[in-house]
Amino acid sequence: MPDRVPARNEWGDRIGYSRAVKAGNLIEVAGTTAPGDSAYEQARSALATIEAALVELGASLEDVVRTRMFVVDIVRNADGVGRAHGEVFAEIKPATAMYGVIGLLSSEMLVEIEATAMAPR
């Protein structure tokens, strides 16, 4: 049975998902959003939530091999999201992609970030 980190928000039970799931040494972190006044602030906070989930499953940001960033109004918000991602992953440099999306679950959300990690065994 995989290890799980609960979503710990109103959507976890309503939608039926975990923040992160570990199967063997593979960890998948679900799309993570966070409050904040800017895309940069939201991305930094979402990345902190991702880091906490990884730590709970015995991993760290250094174990991240891929990230995906879903950005509302990408022309306006890509720089802030990219800056936050770069500050966290400057030395790690996982494979990544940034996608422009029409919207997220709430109109206040500007970015959602997913991560895949390979945890130490």
PDB file of N, CA and C in Angstrom:
ATOM      1  N   MET A   1       0.842  -1.194   0.000  1.00  0.00           N
ATOM      2  CA  MET A   1       0.000   0.000   0.000  1.00  0.00           C
ATOM      3  C   MET A   1       0.880   1.248   0.000  1.00  0.00           C
ATOM      4  N   PRO A   2       0.625   2.192  -0.876  1.00  0.00           N
ATOM      5  CA  PRO A   2       1.430   3.411  -0.909  1.00  0.00           C
ATOM      6  C   PRO A   2       1.247   4.256   0.353  1.00  0.00           C
ATOM      7  N   ASP A   3       2.263   5.026   0.694  1.00  0.00           N
ATOM      8  CA  ASP A   3       2.164   6.017   1.764  1.00  0.00           C
ATOM      9  C   ASP A   3       1.507   7.255   1.179  1.00  0.00           C
ATOM     10  N   ARG A   4       0.733   7.936   2.015  1.00  0.00           N
ATOM     11  CA  ARG A   4       0.020   9.125   1.550  1.00  0.00           C
ATOM     12  C   ARG A   4       0.152  10.271   2.534  1.00  0.00           C
ATOM     13  N   VAL A   5       0.200  11.485   2.001  1.00  0.00           N
ATOM     14  CA  VAL A   5       0.093  12.704   2.791  1.00  0.00           C
ATOM     15  C   VAL A   5      -1.277  13.277   2.456  1.00  0.00           C
ATOM     16  N   PRO A   6      -2.130  13.472   3.455  1.00  0.00           N
ATOM     17  CA  PRO A   6      -3.462  14.008   3.151  1.00  0.00           C
ATOM     18  C   PRO A   6      -3.394  15.432   2.608  1.00  0.00           C
ATOM     19  N   ALA A   7      -4.413  15.821   1.867  1.00  0.00           N
ATOM     20  CA  ALA A   7      -4.447  17.160   1.274  1.00  0.00           C
ATOM     21  C   ALA A   7      -4.570  18.251   2.333  1.00  0.00           C
ATOM     22  N   ARG A   8      -5.247  17.975   3.430  1.00  0.00           N
ATOM     23  CA  ARG A   8      -5.408  18.934   4.534  1.00  0.00           C
ATOM     24  C   ARG A   8      -6.048  20.254   4.094  1.00  0.00           C
ATOM     25  N   ASN A   9      -7.001  20.136   3.196  1.00  0.00           N
ATOM     26  CA  ASN A   9      -7.776  21.304   2.790  1.00  0.00           C
ATOM     27  C   ASN A   9      -9.203  20.840   2.507  1.00  0.00           C
ATOM     28  N   GLU A  10     -10.069  21.766   2.221  1.00  0.00           N
ATOM     29  CA  GLU A  10     -11.473  21.422   1.997  1.00  0.00           C
ATOM     30  C   GLU A  10     -11.679  20.509   0.796  1.00  0.00           C
ATOM     31  N   TRP A  11     -10.742  20.525  -0.139  1.00  0.00           N
ATOM     32  CA  TRP A  11     -10.919  19.781  -1.385  1.00  0.00           C
ATOM     33  C   TRP A  11     -10.471  18.332  -1.290  1.00  0.00           C
ATOM     34  N   GLY A  12      -9.590  18.011  -0.355  1.00  0.00           N
ATOM     35  CA  GLY A  12      -9.063  16.656  -0.259  1.00  0.00           C
ATOM     36  C   GLY A  12     -10.145  15.589  -0.165  1.00  0.00           C
ATOM     37  N   ASP A  13     -11.062  15.761   0.764  1.00  0.00           N
ATOM     38  CA  ASP A  13     -12.151  14.788   0.913  1.00  0.00           C
ATOM     39  C   ASP A  13     -13.234  14.980  -0.142  1.00  0.00           C
ATOM     40  N   ARG A  14     -13.521  16.236  -0.463  1.00  0.00           N
ATOM     41  CA  ARG A  14     -14.587  16.503  -1.429  1.00  0.00           C
ATOM     42  C   ARG A  14     -14.259  15.909  -2.799  1.00  0.00           C
ATOM     43  N   ILE A  15     -13.030  16.112  -3.256  1.00  0.00           N
ATOM     44  CA  ILE A  15     -12.622  15.606  -4.565  1.00  0.00           C
ATOM     45  C   ILE A  15     -12.057  14.200  -4.463  1.00  0.00           C
ATOM     46  N   GLY A  16     -11.478  13.885  -3.299  1.00  0.00           N
ATOM     47  CA  GLY A  16     -10.917  12.556  -3.084  1.00  0.00           C
ATOM     48  C   GLY A  16      -9.488  12.436  -3.573  1.00  0.00           C
ATOM     49  N   TYR A  17      -8.582  13.221  -2.978  1.00  0.00           N
ATOM     50  CA  TYR A  17      -7.181  13.135  -3.380  1.00  0.00           C
ATOM     51  C   TYR A  17      -6.268  13.363  -2.184  1.00  0.00           C
ATOM     52  N   SER A  18      -5.020  12.970  -2.351  1.00  0.00           N
ATOM     53  CA  SER A  18      -3.972  13.188  -1.361  1.00  0.00           C
ATOM     54  C   SER A  18      -3.029  14.275  -1.872  1.00  0.00           C
ATOM     55  N   ARG A  19      -2.361  14.964  -0.956  1.00  0.00           N
ATOM     56  CA  ARG A  19      -1.349  15.942  -1.349  1.00  0.00           C
ATOM     57  C   ARG A  19      -0.209  15.246  -2.077  1.00  0.00           C
ATOM     58  N   ALA A  20       0.195  14.073  -1.532  1.00  0.00           N
ATOM     59  CA  ALA A  20       1.285  13.332  -2.161  1.00  0.00           C
ATOM     60  C   ALA A  20       1.092  11.842  -1.894  1.00  0.00           C
ATOM     61  N   VAL A  21       1.571  11.038  -2.833  1.00  0.00           N
ATOM     62  CA  VAL A  21       1.511   9.578  -2.714  1.00  0.00           C
ATOM     63  C   VAL A  21       2.887   9.023  -3.049  1.00  0.00           C
ATOM     64  N   LYS A  22       3.360   8.114  -2.191  1.00  0.00           N
ATOM     65  CA  LYS A  22       4.639   7.441  -2.414  1.00  0.00           C
ATOM     66  C   LYS A  22       4.381   5.974  -2.685  1.00  0.00           C
ATOM     67  N   ALA A  23       4.855   5.487  -3.823  1.00  0.00           N
ATOM     68  CA  ALA A  23       4.748   4.076  -4.199  1.00  0.00           C
ATOM     69  C   ALA A  23       6.164   3.615  -4.543  1.00  0.00           C
ATOM     70  N   GLY A  24       6.729   2.733  -3.727  1.00  0.00           N
ATOM     71  CA  GLY A  24       8.137   2.388  -3.890  1.00  0.00           C
ATOM     72  C   GLY A  24       8.953   3.626  -3.587  1.00  0.00           C
ATOM     73  N   ASN A  25       9.832   4.018  -4.508  1.00  0.00           N
ATOM     74  CA  ASN A  25      10.565   5.257  -4.265  1.00  0.00           C
ATOM     75  C   ASN A  25      10.059   6.422  -5.131  1.00  0.00           C
ATOM     76  N   LEU A  26       8.945   6.210  -5.823  1.00  0.00           N
ATOM     77  CA  LEU A  26       8.320   7.263  -6.619  1.00  0.00           C
ATOM     78  C   LEU A  26       7.354   8.061  -5.747  1.00  0.00           C
ATOM     79  N   ILE A  27       7.478   9.381  -5.783  1.00  0.00           N
ATOM     80  CA  ILE A  27       6.542  10.259  -5.079  1.00  0.00           C
ATOM     81  C   ILE A  27       5.919  11.199  -6.099  1.00  0.00           C
ATOM     82  N   GLU A  28       4.606  11.220  -6.115  1.00  0.00           N
ATOM     83  CA  GLU A  28       3.859  12.166  -6.941  1.00  0.00           C
ATOM     84  C   GLU A  28       3.176  13.156  -6.008  1.00  0.00           C
ATOM     85  N   VAL A  29       3.443  14.439  -6.217  1.00  0.00           N
ATOM     86  CA  VAL A  29       2.796  15.488  -5.434  1.00  0.00           C
ATOM     87  C   VAL A  29       1.729  16.129  -6.307  1.00  0.00           C
ATOM     88  N   ALA A  30       0.511  16.137  -5.793  1.00  0.00           N
ATOM     89  CA  ALA A  30      -0.639  16.666  -6.529  1.00  0.00           C
ATOM     90  C   ALA A  30      -0.477  18.149  -6.812  1.00  0.00           C
ATOM     91  N   GLY A  31      -1.282  18.630  -7.737  1.00  0.00           N
ATOM     92  CA  GLY A  31      -1.315  20.054  -8.027  1.00  0.00           C
ATOM     93  C   GLY A  31      -1.518  20.838  -6.743  1.00  0.00           C
ATOM     94  N   THR A  32      -0.636  21.795  -6.497  1.00  0.00           N
ATOM     95  CA  THR A  32      -0.617  22.527  -5.235  1.00  0.00           C
ATOM     96  C   THR A  32      -0.763  24.015  -5.511  1.00  0.00           C
ATOM     97  N   THR A  33      -1.734  24.612  -4.841  1.00  0.00           N
ATOM     98  CA  THR A  33      -1.959  26.050  -4.935  1.00  0.00           C
ATOM     99  C   THR A  33      -1.764  26.655  -3.553  1.00  0.00           C
ATOM    100  N   ALA A  34      -1.726  27.961  -3.495  1.00  0.00           N
ATOM    101  CA  ALA A  34      -1.550  28.647  -2.218  1.00  0.00           C
ATOM    102  C   ALA A  34      -2.075  30.072  -2.336  1.00  0.00           C
ATOM    103  N   PRO A  35      -2.437  30.661  -1.200  1.00  0.00           N
ATOM    104  CA  PRO A  35      -2.868  32.059  -1.241  1.00  0.00           C
ATOM    105  C   PRO A  35      -1.675  32.985  -1.455  1.00  0.00           C
ATOM    106  N   GLY A  36      -1.972  34.203  -1.846  1.00  0.00           N
ATOM    107  CA  GLY A  36      -0.931  35.215  -2.036  1.00  0.00           C
ATOM    108  C   GLY A  36      -1.439  36.281  -2.969  1.00  0.00           C
ATOM    109  N   ASP A  37      -0.817  37.447  -2.893  1.00  0.00           N
ATOM    110  CA  ASP A  37      -1.250  38.578  -3.710  1.00  0.00           C
ATOM    111  C   ASP A  37      -0.698  38.547  -5.124  1.00  0.00           C
ATOM    112  N   SER A  38       0.341  37.766  -5.342  1.00  0.00           N
ATOM    113  CA  SER A  38       0.959  37.712  -6.664  1.00  0.00           C
ATOM    114  C   SER A  38       1.239  36.264  -7.042  1.00  0.00           C
ATOM    115  N   ALA A  39       1.484  36.040  -8.322  1.00  0.00           N
ATOM    116  CA  ALA A  39       1.838  34.698  -8.785  1.00  0.00           C
ATOM    117  C   ALA A  39       3.134  34.242  -8.127  1.00  0.00           C
ATOM    118  N   TYR A  40       4.067  35.163  -7.940  1.00  0.00           N
ATOM    119  CA  TYR A  40       5.319  34.830  -7.264  1.00  0.00           C
ATOM    120  C   TYR A  40       5.068  34.326  -5.843  1.00  0.00           C
ATOM    121  N   GLU A  41       4.289  35.077  -5.064  1.00  0.00           N
ATOM    122  CA  GLU A  41       3.992  34.678  -3.683  1.00  0.00           C
ATOM    123  C   GLU A  41       3.269  33.337  -3.642  1.00  0.00           C
ATOM    124  N   GLN A  42       2.310  33.141  -4.538  1.00  0.00           N
ATOM    125  CA  GLN A  42       1.579  31.876  -4.573  1.00  0.00           C
ATOM    126  C   GLN A  42       2.511  30.721  -4.918  1.00  0.00           C
ATOM    127  N   ALA A  43       3.405  30.935  -5.878  1.00  0.00           N
ATOM    128  CA  ALA A  43       4.331  29.871  -6.266  1.00  0.00           C
ATOM    129  C   ALA A  43       5.283  29.534  -5.124  1.00  0.00           C
ATOM    130  N   ARG A  44       5.831  30.537  -4.452  1.00  0.00           N
ATOM    131  CA  ARG A  44       6.741  30.273  -3.328  1.00  0.00           C
ATOM    132  C   ARG A  44       6.033  29.478  -2.234  1.00  0.00           C
ATOM    133  N   SER A  45       4.812  29.854  -1.929  1.00  0.00           N
ATOM    134  CA  SER A  45       4.057  29.155  -0.886  1.00  0.00           C
ATOM    135  C   SER A  45       3.696  27.736  -1.317  1.00  0.00           C
ATOM    136  N   ALA A  46       3.299  27.561  -2.573  1.00  0.00           N
ATOM    137  CA  ALA A  46       2.980  26.222  -3.083  1.00  0.00           C
ATOM    138  C   ALA A  46       4.217  25.328  -3.038  1.00  0.00           C
ATOM    139  N   LEU A  47       5.365  25.875  -3.392  1.00  0.00           N
ATOM    140  CA  LEU A  47       6.604  25.093  -3.349  1.00  0.00           C
ATOM    141  C   LEU A  47       6.977  24.713  -1.920  1.00  0.00           C
ATOM    142  N   ALA A  48       6.680  25.566  -0.956  1.00  0.00           N
ATOM    143  CA  ALA A  48       6.911  25.224   0.457  1.00  0.00           C
ATOM    144  C   ALA A  48       5.996  24.084   0.888  1.00  0.00           C
ATOM    145  N   THR A  49       4.754  24.081   0.425  1.00  0.00           N
ATOM    146  CA  THR A  49       3.823  22.992   0.729  1.00  0.00           C
ATOM    147  C   THR A  49       4.308  21.693   0.098  1.00  0.00           C
ATOM    148  N   ILE A  50       4.799  21.773  -1.128  1.00  0.00           N
ATOM    149  CA  ILE A  50       5.355  20.597  -1.807  1.00  0.00           C
ATOM    150  C   ILE A  50       6.547  20.059  -1.019  1.00  0.00           C
ATOM    151  N   GLU A  51       7.420  20.951  -0.583  1.00  0.00           N
ATOM    152  CA  GLU A  51       8.590  20.520   0.191  1.00  0.00           C
ATOM    153  C   GLU A  51       8.162  19.817   1.475  1.00  0.00           C
ATOM    154  N   ALA A  52       7.187  20.358   2.172  1.00  0.00           N
ATOM    155  CA  ALA A  52       6.720  19.745   3.418  1.00  0.00           C
ATOM    156  C   ALA A  52       6.159  18.343   3.169  1.00  0.00           C
ATOM    157  N   ALA A  53       5.425  18.156   2.083  1.00  0.00           N
ATOM    158  CA  ALA A  53       4.879  16.833   1.755  1.00  0.00           C
ATOM    159  C   ALA A  53       6.006  15.851   1.456  1.00  0.00           C
ATOM    160  N   LEU A  54       7.014  16.300   0.718  1.00  0.00           N
ATOM    161  CA  LEU A  54       8.159  15.432   0.413  1.00  0.00           C
ATOM    162  C   LEU A  54       8.869  15.006   1.693  1.00  0.00           C
ATOM    163  N   VAL A  55       9.102  15.951   2.590  1.00  0.00           N
ATOM    164  CA  VAL A  55       9.778  15.645   3.849  1.00  0.00           C
ATOM    165  C   VAL A  55       8.968  14.630   4.651  1.00  0.00           C
ATOM    166  N   GLU A  56       7.665  14.793   4.656  1.00  0.00           N
ATOM    167  CA  GLU A  56       6.798  13.858   5.384  1.00  0.00           C
ATOM    168  C   GLU A  56       6.927  12.433   4.847  1.00  0.00           C
ATOM    169  N   LEU A  57       7.285  12.301   3.579  1.00  0.00           N
ATOM    170  CA  LEU A  57       7.447  10.981   2.957  1.00  0.00           C
ATOM    171  C   LEU A  57       8.914  10.551   2.862  1.00  0.00           C
ATOM    172  N   GLY A  58       9.797  11.255   3.575  1.00  0.00           N
ATOM    173  CA  GLY A  58      11.194  10.853   3.631  1.00  0.00           C
ATOM    174  C   GLY A  58      12.047  11.319   2.470  1.00  0.00           C
ATOM    175  N   ALA A  59      11.610  12.366   1.798  1.00  0.00           N
ATOM    176  CA  ALA A  59      12.352  12.888   0.648  1.00  0.00           C
ATOM    177  C   ALA A  59      12.619  14.374   0.862  1.00  0.00           C
ATOM    178  N   SER A  60      13.195  15.004  -0.157  1.00  0.00           N
ATOM    179  CA  SER A  60      13.466  16.437  -0.084  1.00  0.00           C
ATOM    180  C   SER A  60      13.354  17.035  -1.487  1.00  0.00           C
ATOM    181  N   LEU A  61      13.484  18.334  -1.570  1.00  0.00           N
ATOM    182  CA  LEU A  61      13.443  18.987  -2.876  1.00  0.00           C
ATOM    183  C   LEU A  61      14.547  18.469  -3.794  1.00  0.00           C
ATOM    184  N   GLU A  62      15.662  18.052  -3.237  1.00  0.00           N
ATOM    185  CA  GLU A  62      16.772  17.527  -4.041  1.00  0.00           C
ATOM    186  C   GLU A  62      16.392  16.253  -4.788  1.00  0.00           C
ATOM    187  N   ASP A  63      15.327  15.585  -4.338  1.00  0.00           N
ATOM    188  CA  ASP A  63      14.872  14.349  -4.984  1.00  0.00           C
ATOM    189  C   ASP A  63      13.884  14.592  -6.116  1.00  0.00           C
ATOM    190  N   VAL A  64      13.486  15.845  -6.338  1.00  0.00           N
ATOM    191  CA  VAL A  64      12.515  16.179  -7.382  1.00  0.00           C
ATOM    192  C   VAL A  64      13.168  16.019  -8.754  1.00  0.00           C
ATOM    193  N   VAL A  65      12.491  15.276  -9.623  1.00  0.00           N
ATOM    194  CA  VAL A  65      13.002  15.057 -10.982  1.00  0.00           C
ATOM    195  C   VAL A  65      12.167  15.773 -12.043  1.00  0.00           C
ATOM    196  N   ARG A  66      10.940  16.187 -11.673  1.00  0.00           N
ATOM    197  CA  ARG A  66      10.075  16.864 -12.650  1.00  0.00           C
ATOM    198  C   ARG A  66       9.088  17.752 -11.921  1.00  0.00           C
ATOM    199  N   THR A  67       8.836  18.924 -12.498  1.00  0.00           N
ATOM    200  CA  THR A  67       7.764  19.791 -12.018  1.00  0.00           C
ATOM    201  C   THR A  67       6.923  20.231 -13.202  1.00  0.00           C
ATOM    202  N   ARG A  68       5.680  20.581 -12.901  1.00  0.00           N
ATOM    203  CA  ARG A  68       4.764  21.133 -13.901  1.00  0.00           C
ATOM    204  C   ARG A  68       4.097  22.343 -13.268  1.00  0.00           C
ATOM    205  N   MET A  69       4.100  23.458 -13.975  1.00  0.00           N
ATOM    206  CA  MET A  69       3.497  24.686 -13.470  1.00  0.00           C
ATOM    207  C   MET A  69       2.361  25.095 -14.396  1.00  0.00           C
ATOM    208  N   PHE A  70       1.187  25.254 -13.837  1.00  0.00           N
ATOM    209  CA  PHE A  70       0.000  25.663 -14.580  1.00  0.00           C
ATOM    210  C   PHE A  70      -0.281  27.111 -14.184  1.00  0.00           C
ATOM    211  N   VAL A  71      -0.206  28.016 -15.150  1.00  0.00           N
ATOM    212  CA  VAL A  71      -0.207  29.443 -14.847  1.00  0.00           C
ATOM    213  C   VAL A  71      -1.353  30.146 -15.567  1.00  0.00           C
ATOM    214  N   VAL A  72      -2.179  30.846 -14.787  1.00  0.00           N
ATOM    215  CA  VAL A  72      -3.246  31.669 -15.342  1.00  0.00           C
ATOM    216  C   VAL A  72      -2.615  32.948 -15.876  1.00  0.00           C
ATOM    217  N   ASP A  73      -3.066  33.389 -17.044  1.00  0.00           N
ATOM    218  CA  ASP A  73      -2.528  34.592 -17.694  1.00  0.00           C
ATOM    219  C   ASP A  73      -1.004  34.513 -17.744  1.00  0.00           C
ATOM    220  N   ILE A  74      -0.521  33.510 -18.456  1.00  0.00           N
ATOM    221  CA  ILE A  74       0.907  33.191 -18.479  1.00  0.00           C
ATOM    222  C   ILE A  74       1.779  34.352 -18.935  1.00  0.00           C
ATOM    223  N   VAL A  75       1.291  35.177 -19.834  1.00  0.00           N
ATOM    224  CA  VAL A  75       2.088  36.313 -20.299  1.00  0.00           C
ATOM    225  C   VAL A  75       2.389  37.253 -19.129  1.00  0.00           C
ATOM    226  N   ARG A  76       1.427  37.468 -18.279  1.00  0.00           N
ATOM    227  CA  ARG A  76       1.598  38.367 -17.143  1.00  0.00           C
ATOM    228  C   ARG A  76       2.294  37.706 -15.956  1.00  0.00           C
ATOM    229  N   ASN A  77       2.089  36.400 -15.749  1.00  0.00           N
ATOM    230  CA  ASN A  77       2.524  35.746 -14.518  1.00  0.00           C
ATOM    231  C   ASN A  77       3.721  34.804 -14.651  1.00  0.00           C
ATOM    232  N   ALA A  78       4.165  34.520 -15.862  1.00  0.00           N
ATOM    233  CA  ALA A  78       5.259  33.560 -16.049  1.00  0.00           C
ATOM    234  C   ALA A  78       6.547  34.002 -15.353  1.00  0.00           C
ATOM    235  N   ASP A  79       6.880  35.272 -15.407  1.00  0.00           N
ATOM    236  CA  ASP A  79       8.127  35.725 -14.794  1.00  0.00           C
ATOM    237  C   ASP A  79       8.139  35.491 -13.286  1.00  0.00           C
ATOM    238  N   GLY A  80       7.045  35.819 -12.612  1.00  0.00           N
ATOM    239  CA  GLY A  80       6.985  35.631 -11.163  1.00  0.00           C
ATOM    240  C   GLY A  80       7.045  34.166 -10.769  1.00  0.00           C
ATOM    241  N   VAL A  81       6.293  33.339 -11.485  1.00  0.00           N
ATOM    242  CA  VAL A  81       6.301  31.903 -11.203  1.00  0.00           C
ATOM    243  C   VAL A  81       7.676  31.322 -11.504  1.00  0.00           C
ATOM    244  N   GLY A  82       8.242  31.701 -12.630  1.00  0.00           N
ATOM    245  CA  GLY A  82       9.572  31.217 -12.990  1.00  0.00           C
ATOM    246  C   GLY A  82      10.635  31.649 -11.998  1.00  0.00           C
ATOM    247  N   ARG A  83      10.541  32.871 -11.503  1.00  0.00           N
ATOM    248  CA  ARG A  83      11.499  33.354 -10.506  1.00  0.00           C
ATOM    249  C   ARG A  83      11.413  32.534  -9.228  1.00  0.00           C
ATOM    250  N   ALA A  84      10.189  32.265  -8.761  1.00  0.00           N
ATOM    251  CA  ALA A  84      10.011  31.453  -7.548  1.00  0.00           C
ATOM    252  C   ALA A  84      10.578  30.047  -7.757  1.00  0.00           C
ATOM    253  N   HIS A  85      10.267  29.448  -8.897  1.00  0.00           N
ATOM    254  CA  HIS A  85      10.761  28.098  -9.204  1.00  0.00           C
ATOM    255  C   HIS A  85      12.286  28.109  -9.264  1.00  0.00           C
ATOM    256  N   GLY A  86      12.841  29.117  -9.898  1.00  0.00           N
ATOM    257  CA  GLY A  86      14.294  29.222 -10.008  1.00  0.00           C
ATOM    258  C   GLY A  86      14.985  29.397  -8.668  1.00  0.00           C
ATOM    259  N   GLU A  87      14.377  30.151  -7.763  1.00  0.00           N
ATOM    260  CA  GLU A  87      14.959  30.326  -6.430  1.00  0.00           C
ATOM    261  C   GLU A  87      15.009  29.013  -5.669  1.00  0.00           C
ATOM    262  N   VAL A  88      13.996  28.184  -5.834  1.00  0.00           N
ATOM    263  CA  VAL A  88      13.937  26.909  -5.118  1.00  0.00           C
ATOM    264  C   VAL A  88      14.784  25.837  -5.796  1.00  0.00           C
ATOM    265  N   PHE A  89      14.777  25.818  -7.118  1.00  0.00           N
ATOM    266  CA  PHE A  89      15.415  24.724  -7.856  1.00  0.00           C
ATOM    267  C   PHE A  89      16.671  25.144  -8.622  1.00  0.00           C
ATOM    268  N   ALA A  90      17.312  26.243  -8.246  1.00  0.00           N
ATOM    269  CA  ALA A  90      18.477  26.751  -8.972  1.00  0.00           C
ATOM    270  C   ALA A  90      19.579  25.711  -9.134  1.00  0.00           C
ATOM    271  N   GLU A  91      19.836  24.934  -8.104  1.00  0.00           N
ATOM    272  CA  GLU A  91      20.897  23.926  -8.152  1.00  0.00           C
ATOM    273  C   GLU A  91      20.380  22.545  -8.557  1.00  0.00           C
ATOM    274  N   ILE A  92      19.111  22.283  -8.336  1.00  0.00           N
ATOM    275  CA  ILE A  92      18.528  20.949  -8.568  1.00  0.00           C
ATOM    276  C   ILE A  92      18.186  20.757 -10.038  1.00  0.00           C
ATOM    277  N   LYS A  93      17.587  21.742 -10.623  1.00  0.00           N
ATOM    278  CA  LYS A  93      17.227  21.771 -12.045  1.00  0.00           C
ATOM    279  C   LYS A  93      16.470  20.519 -12.529  1.00  0.00           C
ATOM    280  N   PRO A  94      15.262  20.288 -11.985  1.00  0.00           N
ATOM    281  CA  PRO A  94      14.468  19.169 -12.491  1.00  0.00           C
ATOM    282  C   PRO A  94      13.964  19.471 -13.907  1.00  0.00           C
ATOM    283  N   ALA A  95      13.560  18.432 -14.616  1.00  0.00           N
ATOM    284  CA  ALA A  95      12.843  18.646 -15.869  1.00  0.00           C
ATOM    285  C   ALA A  95      11.556  19.385 -15.502  1.00  0.00           C
ATOM    286  N   THR A  96      11.137  20.314 -16.341  1.00  0.00           N
ATOM    287  CA  THR A  96       9.951  21.083 -15.973  1.00  0.00           C
ATOM    288  C   THR A  96       9.206  21.560 -17.210  1.00  0.00           C
ATOM    289  N   ALA A  97       7.984  21.979 -16.975  1.00  0.00           N
ATOM    290  CA  ALA A  97       7.181  22.600 -18.022  1.00  0.00           C
ATOM    291  C   ALA A  97       6.279  23.636 -17.367  1.00  0.00           C
ATOM    292  N   MET A  98       6.004  24.703 -18.115  1.00  0.00           N
ATOM    293  CA  MET A  98       5.076  25.730 -17.656  1.00  0.00           C
ATOM    294  C   MET A  98       3.979  25.844 -18.710  1.00  0.00           C
ATOM    295  N   TYR A  99       2.742  25.681 -18.275  1.00  0.00           N
ATOM    296  CA  TYR A  99       1.597  25.691 -19.177  1.00  0.00           C
ATOM    297  C   TYR A  99       0.700  26.881 -18.860  1.00  0.00           C
ATOM    298  N   GLY A 100       0.224  27.559 -19.865  1.00  0.00           N
ATOM    299  CA  GLY A 100      -0.773  28.595 -19.687  1.00  0.00           C
ATOM    300  C   GLY A 100      -2.152  27.958 -19.633  1.00  0.00           C
ATOM    301  N   VAL A 101      -2.934  28.324 -18.620  1.00  0.00           N
ATOM    302  CA  VAL A 101      -4.285  27.781 -18.463  1.00  0.00           C
ATOM    303  C   VAL A 101      -5.289  28.924 -18.353  1.00  0.00           C
ATOM    304  N   ILE A 102      -6.522  28.623 -18.675  1.00  0.00           N
ATOM    305  CA  ILE A 102      -7.577  29.638 -18.624  1.00  0.00           C
ATOM    306  C   ILE A 102      -7.922  29.999 -17.188  1.00  0.00           C
ATOM    307  N   GLY A 103      -7.938  29.006 -16.317  1.00  0.00           N
ATOM    308  CA  GLY A 103      -8.276  29.266 -14.927  1.00  0.00           C
ATOM    309  C   GLY A 103      -8.022  28.050 -14.071  1.00  0.00           C
ATOM    310  N   LEU A 104      -8.096  28.265 -12.754  1.00  0.00           N
ATOM    311  CA  LEU A 104      -7.947  27.186 -11.782  1.00  0.00           C
ATOM    312  C   LEU A 104      -9.225  27.117 -10.953  1.00  0.00           C
ATOM    313  N   LEU A 105      -9.212  26.338  -9.893  1.00  0.00           N
ATOM    314  CA  LEU A 105     -10.413  26.059  -9.112  1.00  0.00           C
ATOM    315  C   LEU A 105     -11.063  27.314  -8.530  1.00  0.00           C
ATOM    316  N   SER A 106     -10.262  28.309  -8.200  1.00  0.00           N
ATOM    317  CA  SER A 106     -10.764  29.564  -7.651  1.00  0.00           C
ATOM    318  C   SER A 106     -10.182  30.710  -8.470  1.00  0.00           C
ATOM    319  N   SER A 107     -10.923  31.765  -8.633  1.00  0.00           N
ATOM    320  CA  SER A 107     -10.457  32.889  -9.453  1.00  0.00           C
ATOM    321  C   SER A 107      -9.253  33.604  -8.843  1.00  0.00           C
ATOM    322  N   GLU A 108      -9.001  33.433  -7.536  1.00  0.00           N
ATOM    323  CA  GLU A 108      -7.839  34.047  -6.895  1.00  0.00           C
ATOM    324  C   GLU A 108      -6.547  33.288  -7.186  1.00  0.00           C
ATOM    325  N   MET A 109      -6.670  32.022  -7.595  1.00  0.00           N
ATOM    326  CA  MET A 109      -5.490  31.190  -7.837  1.00  0.00           C
ATOM    327  C   MET A 109      -4.856  31.543  -9.176  1.00  0.00           C
ATOM    328  N   LEU A 110      -3.549  31.808  -9.135  1.00  0.00           N
ATOM    329  CA  LEU A 110      -2.816  32.173 -10.343  1.00  0.00           C
ATOM    330  C   LEU A 110      -1.866  31.087 -10.817  1.00  0.00           C
ATOM    331  N   VAL A 111      -1.517  30.147  -9.931  1.00  0.00           N
ATOM    332  CA  VAL A 111      -0.567  29.091 -10.285  1.00  0.00           C
ATOM    333  C   VAL A 111      -0.869  27.821  -9.489  1.00  0.00           C
ATOM    334  N   GLU A 112      -0.664  26.694 -10.147  1.00  0.00           N
ATOM    335  CA  GLU A 112      -0.759  25.376  -9.523  1.00  0.00           C
ATOM    336  C   GLU A 112       0.489  24.612  -9.947  1.00  0.00           C
ATOM    337  N   ILE A 113       1.147  23.960  -8.980  1.00  0.00           N
ATOM    338  CA  ILE A 113       2.411  23.280  -9.266  1.00  0.00           C
ATOM    339  C   ILE A 113       2.326  21.828  -8.838  1.00  0.00           C
ATOM    340  N   GLU A 114       2.788  20.929  -9.712  1.00  0.00           N
ATOM    341  CA  GLU A 114       2.900  19.502  -9.407  1.00  0.00           C
ATOM    342  C   GLU A 114       4.378  19.141  -9.383  1.00  0.00           C
ATOM    343  N   ALA A 115       4.715  18.050  -8.666  1.00  0.00           N
ATOM    344  CA  ALA A 115       6.097  17.594  -8.635  1.00  0.00           C
ATOM    345  C   ALA A 115       6.152  16.076  -8.602  1.00  0.00           C
ATOM    346  N   THR A 116       7.211  15.535  -9.192  1.00  0.00           N
ATOM    347  CA  THR A 116       7.520  14.110  -9.142  1.00  0.00           C
ATOM    348  C   THR A 116       8.912  13.993  -8.552  1.00  0.00           C
ATOM    349  N   ALA A 117       9.059  13.088  -7.595  1.00  0.00           N
ATOM    350  CA  ALA A 117      10.362  12.889  -6.946  1.00  0.00           C
ATOM    351  C   ALA A 117      10.674  11.399  -6.881  1.00  0.00           C
ATOM    352  N   MET A 118      11.953  11.108  -6.825  1.00  0.00           N
ATOM    353  CA  MET A 118      12.431   9.748  -6.596  1.00  0.00           C
ATOM    354  C   MET A 118      13.110   9.753  -5.232  1.00  0.00           C
ATOM    355  N   ALA A 119      12.419   9.192  -4.244  1.00  0.00           N
ATOM    356  CA  ALA A 119      12.917   9.224  -2.878  1.00  0.00           C
ATOM    357  C   ALA A 119      14.031   8.211  -2.680  1.00  0.00           C
ATOM    358  N   PRO A 120      14.922   8.510  -1.739  1.00  0.00           N
ATOM    359  CA  PRO A 120      15.918   7.493  -1.401  1.00  0.00           C
ATOM    360  C   PRO A 120      15.213   6.274  -0.827  1.00  0.00           C
ATOM    361  N   ARG A 121      15.718   5.093  -1.092  1.00  0.00           N
ATOM    362  CA  ARG A 121      15.077   3.869  -0.578  1.00  0.00           C
ATOM    363  C   ARG A 121      15.425   3.614   0.844  1.00  0.00           C
TER     364      ARG A 121
END
